[in-house]
Amino acid sequence: MQSIKLLLAAMLVFTSIGHAFAIEEVQSCEGRVAMGSVSASGELTLDDLTAALSHKAQAAGASSFRVVSAGGRNTLNGVAELYQ
């Protein structure tokens, strides 16, 4: 019983830490400070493209991003604006 409580407490801590560093995809840039852009290519689905852009935005230190273009034929490429 004690080990279950310890396990649940550890899971709660790690879940909270993950959300503290999450990046947010936004639809509007209103009230946000722009800090650049990132691009990604070679993805097969829009979800994969958005995830790749999110990963690059987070690596660049952005707190949020907005996908401004996405397209392609066999593979997708896209661009996202970054915000602080």
C-alpha atoms as a PDB file:
ATOM      1  CA  MET A   1       0.000   0.000   0.000  1.00  0.00           C
ATOM      2  CA  GLN A   2       2.830   2.371   0.883  1.00  0.00           C
ATOM      3  CA  SER A   3       4.585   1.673  -2.444  1.00  0.00           C
ATOM      4  CA  ILE A   4       1.384   2.462  -4.381  1.00  0.00           C
ATOM      5  CA  LYS A   5       1.133   5.843  -2.655  1.00  0.00           C
ATOM      6  CA  LEU A   6       4.787   6.540  -3.451  1.00  0.00           C
ATOM      7  CA  LEU A   7       4.293   5.550  -7.077  1.00  0.00           C
ATOM      8  CA  LEU A   8       1.225   7.786  -7.434  1.00  0.00           C
ATOM      9  CA  ALA A   9       3.064  10.710  -5.856  1.00  0.00           C
ATOM     10  CA  ALA A  10       6.001  10.261  -8.254  1.00  0.00           C
ATOM     11  CA  MET A  11       3.643  10.124 -11.242  1.00  0.00           C
ATOM     12  CA  LEU A  12       1.963  13.337 -10.117  1.00  0.00           C
ATOM     13  CA  VAL A  13       5.297  15.137  -9.799  1.00  0.00           C
ATOM     14  CA  PHE A  14       6.510  14.040 -13.244  1.00  0.00           C
ATOM     15  CA  THR A  15       3.181  14.939 -14.853  1.00  0.00           C
ATOM     16  CA  SER A  16       3.309  18.416 -13.320  1.00  0.00           C
ATOM     17  CA  ILE A  17       6.860  18.951 -14.535  1.00  0.00           C
ATOM     18  CA  GLY A  18       5.878  17.991 -18.093  1.00  0.00           C
ATOM     19  CA  HIS A  19       3.044  20.513 -18.166  1.00  0.00           C
ATOM     20  CA  ALA A  20       5.275  23.284 -16.852  1.00  0.00           C
ATOM     21  CA  PHE A  21       7.348  23.156 -20.041  1.00  0.00           C
ATOM     22  CA  ALA A  22       4.529  22.569 -22.517  1.00  0.00           C
ATOM     23  CA  ILE A  23       4.264  24.845 -25.498  1.00  0.00           C
ATOM     24  CA  GLU A  24       0.899  26.140 -26.668  1.00  0.00           C
ATOM     25  CA  GLU A  25      -0.367  26.251 -30.238  1.00  0.00           C
ATOM     26  CA  VAL A  26      -2.405  29.435 -30.750  1.00  0.00           C
ATOM     27  CA  GLN A  27      -4.705  30.632 -33.522  1.00  0.00           C
ATOM     28  CA  SER A  28      -4.177  34.370 -33.016  1.00  0.00           C
ATOM     29  CA  CYS A  29      -1.058  36.432 -32.434  1.00  0.00           C
ATOM     30  CA  GLU A  30      -2.973  39.193 -30.631  1.00  0.00           C
ATOM     31  CA  GLY A  31      -1.188  40.380 -27.512  1.00  0.00           C
ATOM     32  CA  ARG A  32       1.876  38.202 -28.130  1.00  0.00           C
ATOM     33  CA  VAL A  33       5.466  39.221 -28.788  1.00  0.00           C
ATOM     34  CA  ALA A  34       6.875  37.688 -31.989  1.00  0.00           C
ATOM     35  CA  MET A  35      10.332  36.146 -31.746  1.00  0.00           C
ATOM     36  CA  GLY A  36      10.925  34.508 -35.134  1.00  0.00           C
ATOM     37  CA  SER A  37       9.829  31.460 -37.072  1.00  0.00           C
ATOM     38  CA  VAL A  38      10.675  27.803 -37.633  1.00  0.00           C
ATOM     39  CA  SER A  39      10.051  25.412 -40.501  1.00  0.00           C
ATOM     40  CA  ALA A  40       9.728  21.659 -40.862  1.00  0.00           C
ATOM     41  CA  SER A  41       9.469  19.339 -43.840  1.00  0.00           C
ATOM     42  CA  GLY A  42       9.173  15.697 -44.788  1.00  0.00           C
ATOM     43  CA  GLU A  43       6.194  14.868 -42.558  1.00  0.00           C
ATOM     44  CA  LEU A  44       3.391  12.564 -43.710  1.00  0.00           C
ATOM     45  CA  THR A  45       0.424  13.969 -41.736  1.00  0.00           C
ATOM     46  CA  LEU A  46      -0.663  17.367 -40.432  1.00  0.00           C
ATOM     47  CA  ASP A  47      -0.407  16.042 -36.876  1.00  0.00           C
ATOM     48  CA  ASP A  48       3.202  15.006 -37.484  1.00  0.00           C
ATOM     49  CA  LEU A  49       3.985  18.381 -39.066  1.00  0.00           C
ATOM     50  CA  THR A  50       2.440  20.264 -36.135  1.00  0.00           C
ATOM     51  CA  ALA A  51       4.388  18.100 -33.681  1.00  0.00           C
ATOM     52  CA  ALA A  52       7.647  18.785 -35.523  1.00  0.00           C
ATOM     53  CA  LEU A  53       6.962  22.531 -35.535  1.00  0.00           C
ATOM     54  CA  SER A  54       6.050  22.396 -31.835  1.00  0.00           C
ATOM     55  CA  HIS A  55       9.296  20.593 -31.005  1.00  0.00           C
ATOM     56  CA  LYS A  56      11.370  23.159 -32.917  1.00  0.00           C
ATOM     57  CA  ALA A  57       9.455  26.050 -31.326  1.00  0.00           C
ATOM     58  CA  GLN A  58      10.071  24.677 -27.849  1.00  0.00           C
ATOM     59  CA  ALA A  59      13.771  24.170 -28.633  1.00  0.00           C
ATOM     60  CA  ALA A  60      13.929  27.829 -29.715  1.00  0.00           C
ATOM     61  CA  GLY A  61      12.530  28.938 -26.333  1.00  0.00           C
ATOM     62  CA  ALA A  62       9.059  30.004 -27.475  1.00  0.00           C
ATOM     63  CA  SER A  63       6.061  29.807 -25.156  1.00  0.00           C
ATOM     64  CA  SER A  64       3.600  29.542 -28.049  1.00  0.00           C
ATOM     65  CA  PHE A  65       3.518  29.128 -31.822  1.00  0.00           C
ATOM     66  CA  ARG A  66       1.103  29.552 -34.707  1.00  0.00           C
ATOM     67  CA  VAL A  67       1.209  27.498 -37.907  1.00  0.00           C
ATOM     68  CA  VAL A  68       1.090  29.990 -40.781  1.00  0.00           C
ATOM     69  CA  SER A  69       1.559  27.649 -43.734  1.00  0.00           C
ATOM     70  CA  ALA A  70       1.387  23.950 -44.498  1.00  0.00           C
ATOM     71  CA  GLY A  71       1.342  22.124 -47.794  1.00  0.00           C
ATOM     72  CA  GLY A  72       2.950  19.619 -50.077  1.00  0.00           C
ATOM     73  CA  ARG A  73       2.204  16.645 -52.279  1.00  0.00           C
ATOM     74  CA  ASN A  74       3.708  13.391 -51.005  1.00  0.00           C
ATOM     75  CA  THR A  75       5.214  14.921 -47.879  1.00  0.00           C
ATOM     76  CA  LEU A  76       4.239  18.063 -46.001  1.00  0.00           C
ATOM     77  CA  ASN A  77       6.245  21.142 -45.140  1.00  0.00           C
ATOM     78  CA  GLY A  78       5.226  24.066 -43.001  1.00  0.00           C
ATOM     79  CA  VAL A  79       6.184  27.252 -41.186  1.00  0.00           C
ATOM     80  CA  ALA A  80       5.228  28.481 -37.737  1.00  0.00           C
ATOM     81  CA  GLU A  81       5.634  31.897 -36.122  1.00  0.00           C
ATOM     82  CA  LEU A  82       7.045  31.868 -32.592  1.00  0.00           C
ATOM     83  CA  TYR A  83       5.907  33.978 -29.650  1.00  0.00           C
ATOM     84  CA  GLN A  84       7.227  34.674 -26.171  1.00  0.00           C
END
